C-alpha atoms as a PDB file:
ATOM      1  CA  MET A   1       5.209  24.200  -2.280  1.00  0.00           C
ATOM      2  CA  LYS A   2       6.153  22.122   0.347  1.00  0.00           C
ATOM      3  CA  PRO A   3       6.390  18.288   0.114  1.00  0.00           C
ATOM      4  CA  ALA A   4       3.595  17.582   2.373  1.00  0.00           C
ATOM      5  CA  ASP A   5       1.160  19.747  -0.238  1.00  0.00           C
ATOM      6  CA  MET A   6       1.929  16.864  -2.508  1.00  0.00           C
ATOM      7  CA  ILE A   7       0.221  14.007  -0.654  1.00  0.00           C
ATOM      8  CA  VAL A   8      -3.048  15.164  -2.103  1.00  0.00           C
ATOM      9  CA  LEU A   9      -1.716  13.363  -5.178  1.00  0.00           C
ATOM     10  CA  ARG A  10      -1.518   9.979  -3.377  1.00  0.00           C
ATOM     11  CA  ALA A  11      -5.149  10.343  -1.838  1.00  0.00           C
ATOM     12  CA  LEU A  12      -6.682  11.164  -5.159  1.00  0.00           C
ATOM     13  CA  GLY A  13      -4.907   7.782  -6.352  1.00  0.00           C
ATOM     14  CA  ALA A  14      -6.073   5.878  -3.828  1.00  0.00           C
ATOM     15  CA  LEU A  15      -9.634   7.090  -4.469  1.00  0.00           C
ATOM     16  CA  LEU A  16      -9.324   5.708  -7.913  1.00  0.00           C
ATOM     17  CA  GLY A  17      -8.423   2.210  -6.406  1.00  0.00           C
ATOM     18  CA  TYR A  18     -10.915  -0.745  -6.075  1.00  0.00           C
ATOM     19  CA  PRO A  19     -13.250   0.158  -3.198  1.00  0.00           C
ATOM     20  CA  ARG A  20     -11.821  -2.574  -0.884  1.00  0.00           C
ATOM     21  CA  PRO A  21     -12.174  -1.960   2.990  1.00  0.00           C
ATOM     22  CA  GLU A  22      -8.865  -1.046   3.621  1.00  0.00           C
ATOM     23  CA  LEU A  23      -9.859   2.261   1.146  1.00  0.00           C
ATOM     24  CA  ARG A  24     -13.119   2.391   3.044  1.00  0.00           C
ATOM     25  CA  LYS A  25     -11.342   2.744   6.499  1.00  0.00           C
ATOM     26  CA  ALA A  26      -8.952   5.262   4.764  1.00  0.00           C
ATOM     27  CA  LEU A  27     -11.511   7.691   3.645  1.00  0.00           C
ATOM     28  CA  PRO A  28     -11.432   9.903   6.748  1.00  0.00           C
ATOM     29  CA  GLU A  29      -7.863  10.492   6.230  1.00  0.00           C
ATOM     30  CA  ILE A  30      -8.437  10.899   2.473  1.00  0.00           C
ATOM     31  CA  ALA A  31     -10.795  13.546   3.059  1.00  0.00           C
ATOM     32  CA  ASP A  32      -8.399  15.634   5.521  1.00  0.00           C
ATOM     33  CA  ALA A  33      -5.794  15.645   2.724  1.00  0.00           C
ATOM     34  CA  VAL A  34      -8.372  16.924   0.170  1.00  0.00           C
ATOM     35  CA  THR A  35      -9.607  19.610   2.369  1.00  0.00           C
ATOM     36  CA  GLN A  36      -6.132  20.488   3.611  1.00  0.00           C
ATOM     37  CA  SER A  37      -4.686  20.778   0.435  1.00  0.00           C
ATOM     38  CA  PRO A  38      -3.612  24.133  -1.321  1.00  0.00           C
ATOM     39  CA  LEU A  39      -3.557  22.612  -4.706  1.00  0.00           C
ATOM     40  CA  VAL A  40      -7.372  22.092  -4.537  1.00  0.00           C
ATOM     41  CA  GLY A  41     -10.045  24.849  -4.787  1.00  0.00           C
ATOM     42  CA  PRO A  42     -13.410  25.085  -3.135  1.00  0.00           C
ATOM     43  CA  GLN A  43     -15.536  23.785  -6.221  1.00  0.00           C
ATOM     44  CA  ASP A  44     -13.256  20.589  -6.571  1.00  0.00           C
ATOM     45  CA  ARG A  45     -12.776  20.137  -3.034  1.00  0.00           C
ATOM     46  CA  ALA A  46     -16.440  19.803  -2.585  1.00  0.00           C
ATOM     47  CA  ALA A  47     -17.102  17.399  -5.283  1.00  0.00           C
ATOM     48  CA  LEU A  48     -14.038  15.185  -4.056  1.00  0.00           C
ATOM     49  CA  LEU A  49     -15.827  15.131  -0.725  1.00  0.00           C
ATOM     50  CA  SER A  50     -18.838  14.218  -2.364  1.00  0.00           C
ATOM     51  CA  LEU A  51     -16.993  11.083  -3.743  1.00  0.00           C
ATOM     52  CA  VAL A  52     -15.720  10.438  -0.452  1.00  0.00           C
ATOM     53  CA  GLU A  53     -19.076  10.704   1.246  1.00  0.00           C
ATOM     54  CA  LEU A  54     -20.587   8.192  -1.533  1.00  0.00           C
ATOM     55  CA  LEU A  55     -18.259   5.887  -1.187  1.00  0.00           C
ATOM     56  CA  SER A  56     -18.245   5.863   2.724  1.00  0.00           C
ATOM     57  CA  ASP A  57     -22.017   5.997   2.836  1.00  0.00           C
ATOM     58  CA  SER A  58     -23.131   3.404   0.017  1.00  0.00           C
ATOM     59  CA  ASN A  59     -23.482   0.041   0.337  1.00  0.00           C
ATOM     60  CA  PRO A  60     -20.092  -1.835  -0.557  1.00  0.00           C
ATOM     61  CA  LEU A  61     -21.402  -4.097  -2.850  1.00  0.00           C
ATOM     62  CA  TRP A  62     -22.668  -1.347  -4.759  1.00  0.00           C
ATOM     63  CA  THR A  63     -19.712   0.496  -4.852  1.00  0.00           C
ATOM     64  CA  GLU A  64     -17.792  -2.572  -5.954  1.00  0.00           C
ATOM     65  CA  GLU A  65     -20.003  -3.101  -8.826  1.00  0.00           C
ATOM     66  CA  ARG A  66     -19.902   0.457  -9.901  1.00  0.00           C
ATOM     67  CA  TYR A  67     -16.221   0.136  -9.816  1.00  0.00           C
ATOM     68  CA  VAL A  68     -16.035  -2.935 -12.356  1.00  0.00           C
ATOM     69  CA  ASP A  69     -18.659  -1.150 -14.689  1.00  0.00           C
ATOM     70  CA  LEU A  70     -16.540   2.443 -14.667  1.00  0.00           C
ATOM     71  CA  PHE A  71     -13.162   1.126 -14.831  1.00  0.00           C
ATOM     72  CA  ASP A  72     -12.708  -2.580 -15.707  1.00  0.00           C
ATOM     73  CA  ARG A  73     -15.177  -2.837 -18.958  1.00  0.00           C
ATOM     74  CA  GLY A  74     -13.703  -1.026 -22.043  1.00  0.00           C
ATOM     75  CA  ARG A  75     -11.079   1.255 -22.993  1.00  0.00           C
ATOM     76  CA  ALA A  76     -12.822   4.804 -22.531  1.00  0.00           C
ATOM     77  CA  THR A  77     -12.414   4.935 -19.152  1.00  0.00           C
ATOM     78  CA  SER A  78      -9.185   2.321 -18.350  1.00  0.00           C
ATOM     79  CA  LEU A  79      -6.782   3.885 -15.931  1.00  0.00           C
ATOM     80  CA  HIS A  80      -3.780   2.408 -17.552  1.00  0.00           C
ATOM     81  CA  LEU A  81      -2.853   5.576 -19.610  1.00  0.00           C
ATOM     82  CA  PHE A  82      -0.867   4.190 -22.134  1.00  0.00           C
ATOM     83  CA  GLU A  83      -3.680   1.984 -23.400  1.00  0.00           C
ATOM     84  CA  HIS A  84      -5.340   5.275 -24.472  1.00  0.00           C
ATOM     85  CA  VAL A  85      -2.290   5.996 -26.478  1.00  0.00           C
ATOM     86  CA  HIS A  86      -0.839   2.846 -27.979  1.00  0.00           C
ATOM     87  CA  GLY A  87      -3.676   0.178 -27.266  1.00  0.00           C
ATOM     88  CA  GLU A  88      -2.130  -3.077 -27.417  1.00  0.00           C
ATOM     89  CA  ALA A  89       0.446  -1.919 -30.019  1.00  0.00           C
ATOM     90  CA  ARG A  90       4.096  -2.953 -29.600  1.00  0.00           C
ATOM     91  CA  ASP A  91       4.944   0.891 -28.717  1.00  0.00           C
ATOM     92  CA  ARG A  92       3.229   0.106 -25.434  1.00  0.00           C
ATOM     93  CA  GLY A  93       5.528  -1.882 -24.189  1.00  0.00           C
ATOM     94  CA  GLN A  94       8.434   0.473 -24.748  1.00  0.00           C
ATOM     95  CA  ALA A  95       6.496   3.151 -23.299  1.00  0.00           C
ATOM     96  CA  MET A  96       6.090   1.071 -20.062  1.00  0.00           C
ATOM     97  CA  ILE A  97      10.038   0.123 -19.819  1.00  0.00           C
ATOM     98  CA  GLU A  98      11.103   4.052 -20.326  1.00  0.00           C
ATOM     99  CA  LEU A  99       8.396   5.063 -17.484  1.00  0.00           C
ATOM    100  CA  LYS A 100       9.625   2.444 -15.237  1.00  0.00           C
ATOM    101  CA  ALA A 101      13.221   3.599 -15.725  1.00  0.00           C
ATOM    102  CA  LEU A 102      11.869   7.024 -14.748  1.00  0.00           C
ATOM    103  CA  TYR A 103      10.490   5.685 -11.437  1.00  0.00           C
ATOM    104  CA  GLU A 104      14.000   3.704 -10.844  1.00  0.00           C
ATOM    105  CA  ARG A 105      16.276   6.828 -11.888  1.00  0.00           C
ATOM    106  CA  ALA A 106      14.223   9.043  -8.850  1.00  0.00           C
ATOM    107  CA  GLY A 107      14.930   5.790  -6.429  1.00  0.00           C
ATOM    108  CA  PHE A 108      11.561   3.922  -6.737  1.00  0.00           C
ATOM    109  CA  ARG A 109      10.981   0.181  -7.322  1.00  0.00           C
ATOM    110  CA  LEU A 110       7.949  -0.740  -8.939  1.00  0.00           C
ATOM    111  CA  SER A 111       5.970  -3.668  -7.212  1.00  0.00           C
ATOM    112  CA  ALA A 112       5.937  -6.515  -9.512  1.00  0.00           C
ATOM    113  CA  LYS A 113       2.248  -6.776  -9.737  1.00  0.00           C
ATOM    114  CA  GLU A 114       1.918  -3.068 -10.934  1.00  0.00           C
ATOM    115  CA  LEU A 115       2.019  -1.703 -14.302  1.00  0.00           C
ATOM    116  CA  PRO A 116       3.759   1.663 -14.668  1.00  0.00           C
ATOM    117  CA  ASP A 117       0.892   3.487 -16.491  1.00  0.00           C
ATOM    118  CA  TYR A 118      -1.575   2.572 -14.272  1.00  0.00           C
ATOM    119  CA  LEU A 119      -2.903   6.042 -12.908  1.00  0.00           C
ATOM    120  CA  PRO A 120      -2.958   5.491  -9.208  1.00  0.00           C
ATOM    121  CA  VAL A 121       1.033   4.411  -9.637  1.00  0.00           C
ATOM    122  CA  VAL A 122       1.616   7.837 -11.496  1.00  0.00           C
ATOM    123  CA  LEU A 123      -0.178   9.824  -9.040  1.00  0.00           C
ATOM    124  CA  GLU A 124       1.817   7.884  -5.883  1.00  0.00           C
ATOM    125  CA  TYR A 125       5.234   8.789  -7.874  1.00  0.00           C
ATOM    126  CA  LEU A 126       4.160  12.530  -8.078  1.00  0.00           C
ATOM    127  CA  SER A 127       3.168  12.671  -4.570  1.00  0.00           C
ATOM    128  CA  CYS A 128       6.910  12.400  -3.776  1.00  0.00           C
ATOM    129  CA  ARG A 129       8.214  14.925  -6.354  1.00  0.00           C
ATOM    130  CA  ASP A 130       7.625  18.432  -6.854  1.00  0.00           C
ATOM    131  CA  LEU A 131       5.035  20.663  -8.221  1.00  0.00           C
ATOM    132  CA  ALA A 132       7.004  21.349 -11.402  1.00  0.00           C
ATOM    133  CA  GLU A 133       7.629  17.828 -12.269  1.00  0.00           C
ATOM    134  CA  THR A 134       3.950  16.978 -11.323  1.00  0.00           C
ATOM    135  CA  ARG A 135       2.443  19.681 -13.593  1.00  0.00           C
ATOM    136  CA  GLU A 136       4.842  18.700 -16.590  1.00  0.00           C
ATOM    137  CA  MET A 137       3.930  15.104 -16.494  1.00  0.00           C
ATOM    138  CA  LEU A 138       0.195  15.384 -15.865  1.00  0.00           C
ATOM    139  CA  GLY A 139       0.350  18.207 -18.725  1.00  0.00           C
ATOM    140  CA  ASP A 140       1.610  15.759 -20.865  1.00  0.00           C
ATOM    141  CA  CYS A 141      -1.400  13.435 -20.675  1.00  0.00           C
ATOM    142  CA  ALA A 142      -3.789  15.999 -19.776  1.00  0.00           C
ATOM    143  CA  HIS A 143      -5.607  15.013 -22.806  1.00  0.00           C
ATOM    144  CA  ILE A 144      -6.007  11.323 -21.827  1.00  0.00           C
ATOM    145  CA  LEU A 145      -7.177  12.863 -18.306  1.00  0.00           C
ATOM    146  CA  ARG A 146     -10.083  14.777 -19.964  1.00  0.00           C
ATOM    147  CA  SER A 147     -10.910  11.855 -22.201  1.00  0.00           C
ATOM    148  CA  ILE A 148     -11.444   9.863 -19.160  1.00  0.00           C
ATOM    149  CA  GLY A 149     -12.862  12.500 -17.126  1.00  0.00           C
ATOM    150  CA  GLY A 150     -15.239  13.181 -20.187  1.00  0.00           C
ATOM    151  CA  ALA A 151     -16.408   9.539 -20.025  1.00  0.00           C
ATOM    152  CA  LEU A 152     -17.084   9.854 -16.745  1.00  0.00           C
ATOM    153  CA  LEU A 153     -19.385  12.977 -16.924  1.00  0.00           C
ATOM    154  CA  GLN A 154     -21.287  11.285 -19.400  1.00  0.00           C
ATOM    155  CA  ARG A 155     -21.907   8.303 -17.363  1.00  0.00           C
ATOM    156  CA  LYS A 156     -23.182  10.914 -14.105  1.00  0.00           C
ATOM    157  CA  SER A 157     -20.143   9.469 -12.244  1.00  0.00           C
ATOM    158  CA  CYS A 158     -18.816  11.302  -8.930  1.00  0.00           C
ATOM    159  CA  TYR A 159     -15.157   9.775 -10.124  1.00  0.00           C
ATOM    160  CA  ALA A 160     -14.947  12.400 -12.693  1.00  0.00           C
ATOM    161  CA  ALA A 161     -14.020  15.289  -9.724  1.00  0.00           C
ATOM    162  CA  ILE A 162     -10.911  13.526  -9.621  1.00  0.00           C
ATOM    163  CA  PHE A 163      -9.853  14.262 -13.374  1.00  0.00           C
ATOM    164  CA  GLN A 164     -11.264  17.708 -12.915  1.00  0.00           C
ATOM    165  CA  ALA A 165      -9.023  18.230  -9.555  1.00  0.00           C
ATOM    166  CA  LEU A 166      -5.928  16.548 -11.826  1.00  0.00           C
ATOM    167  CA  LEU A 167      -6.270  18.912 -14.519  1.00  0.00           C
ATOM    168  CA  VAL A 168      -6.380  21.963 -12.530  1.00  0.00           C
ATOM    169  CA  ILE A 169      -3.387  20.746 -10.705  1.00  0.00           C
ATOM    170  CA  ALA A 170      -1.860  20.556 -14.115  1.00  0.00           C
ATOM    171  CA  GLY A 171      -2.158  24.269 -15.018  1.00  0.00           C
ATOM    172  CA  GLU A 172      -5.105  23.235 -17.648  1.00  0.00           C
ATOM    173  CA  ALA A 173      -8.552  24.296 -18.372  1.00  0.00           C
ATOM    174  CA  GLY A 174     -10.884  21.477 -16.091  1.00  0.00           C
ATOM    175  CA  LEU A 175     -13.429  19.383 -17.643  1.00  0.00           C
ATOM    176  CA  ASP A 176     -16.372  20.846 -19.584  1.00  0.00           C
ATOM    177  CA  PRO A 177     -19.290  19.250 -19.083  1.00  0.00           C
ATOM    178  CA  LYS A 178     -20.983  20.568 -22.387  1.00  0.00           C
ATOM    179  CA  ALA A 179     -17.868  18.476 -24.391  1.00  0.00           C
ATOM    180  CA  ALA A 180     -18.670  15.279 -22.527  1.00  0.00           C
ATOM    181  CA  VAL A 181     -19.714  12.834 -25.282  1.00  0.00           C
ATOM    182  CA  GLN A 182     -21.611   9.466 -25.460  1.00  0.00           C
ATOM    183  CA  GLU A 183     -18.627   6.759 -25.846  1.00  0.00           C
ATOM    184  CA  ALA A 184     -19.717   3.721 -28.121  1.00  0.00           C
ATOM    185  CA  ALA A 185     -20.166   0.625 -26.640  1.00  0.00           C
ATOM    186  CA  GLU A 186     -16.848  -1.317 -26.374  1.00  0.00           C
ATOM    187  CA  PRO A 187     -16.578  -5.190 -25.832  1.00  0.00           C
ATOM    188  CA  GLU A 188     -16.338  -6.163 -22.104  1.00  0.00           C
ATOM    189  CA  ASP A 189     -12.546  -6.705 -20.941  1.00  0.00           C
ATOM    190  CA  LEU A 190     -12.367  -8.555 -17.477  1.00  0.00           C
ATOM    191  CA  ASP A 191      -8.865 -10.305 -18.071  1.00  0.00           C
ATOM    192  CA  ARG A 192      -7.220  -7.617 -15.731  1.00  0.00           C
ATOM    193  CA  ASP A 193      -5.416  -8.218 -12.542  1.00  0.00           C
ATOM    194  CA  TRP A 194      -6.313  -5.077 -10.918  1.00  0.00           C
ATOM    195  CA  THR A 195      -4.203  -5.045  -7.425  1.00  0.00           C
ATOM    196  CA  GLU A 196      -4.476  -2.596  -4.281  1.00  0.00           C
ATOM    197  CA  GLN A 197      -0.917  -3.206  -2.751  1.00  0.00           C
ATOM    198  CA  PRO A 198       1.259  -0.374  -2.455  1.00  0.00           C
ATOM    199  CA  ALA A 199       2.540   0.488  -5.858  1.00  0.00           C
ATOM    200  CA  PHE A 200       6.348   1.030  -4.869  1.00  0.00           C
ATOM    201  CA  ALA A 201       8.442  -1.023  -2.878  1.00  0.00           C
ATOM    202  CA  THR A 202      11.194   0.567  -0.375  1.00  0.00           C
ATOM    203  CA  PRO A 203      12.964   3.578  -2.158  1.00  0.00           C
ATOM    204  CA  ALA A 204      16.440   2.204  -3.812  1.00  0.00           C
ATOM    205  CA  PRO A 205      19.186   3.633  -1.438  1.00  0.00           C
ATOM    206  CA  ALA A 206      21.121   6.483  -3.085  1.00  0.00           C
ATOM    207  CA  SER A 207      24.319   5.437  -4.816  1.00  0.00           C
END
């Protein structure tokens, strides 16, 4: 697999970002990355392009409100991976430190405003790595991807296509629509600072 083939991971991460005007402007480029990727099969490609089309054609205010409803309220669809494993426990902090160290060993310095377990950050990192590492890392969190994807399917959200594609890229079975179950309602949790700046600063020079 050529390095250029991995760019689709960055495109999928971008699609998971807050739908600011900058994202809308980049949608044609994202669609090209999805269309040309050998990692995305025809059925998954069609579903991803439907999401791109939805974001492109819908009223911007609606897409922003829908995004907040999906990803900023409750834990079931949180894009912070360790929240699904550790919640707010102390272990989450240690896991964050270890993941940040992984990025740094590869020569990437995380921007101050980004948390290392934010899925778009993980995908941006993996877009610069090889397929073997990508499959291993996505495979390790496949149960989380499946849980989020199932919750999105239950909400009839086109965003589920991203998690379907990621599971297939990881070499895992895709989402099962029949297994999507109603998630219990959770209290609103709006005290988050989601930023859409690039996750990583300029790569650290090789020593």
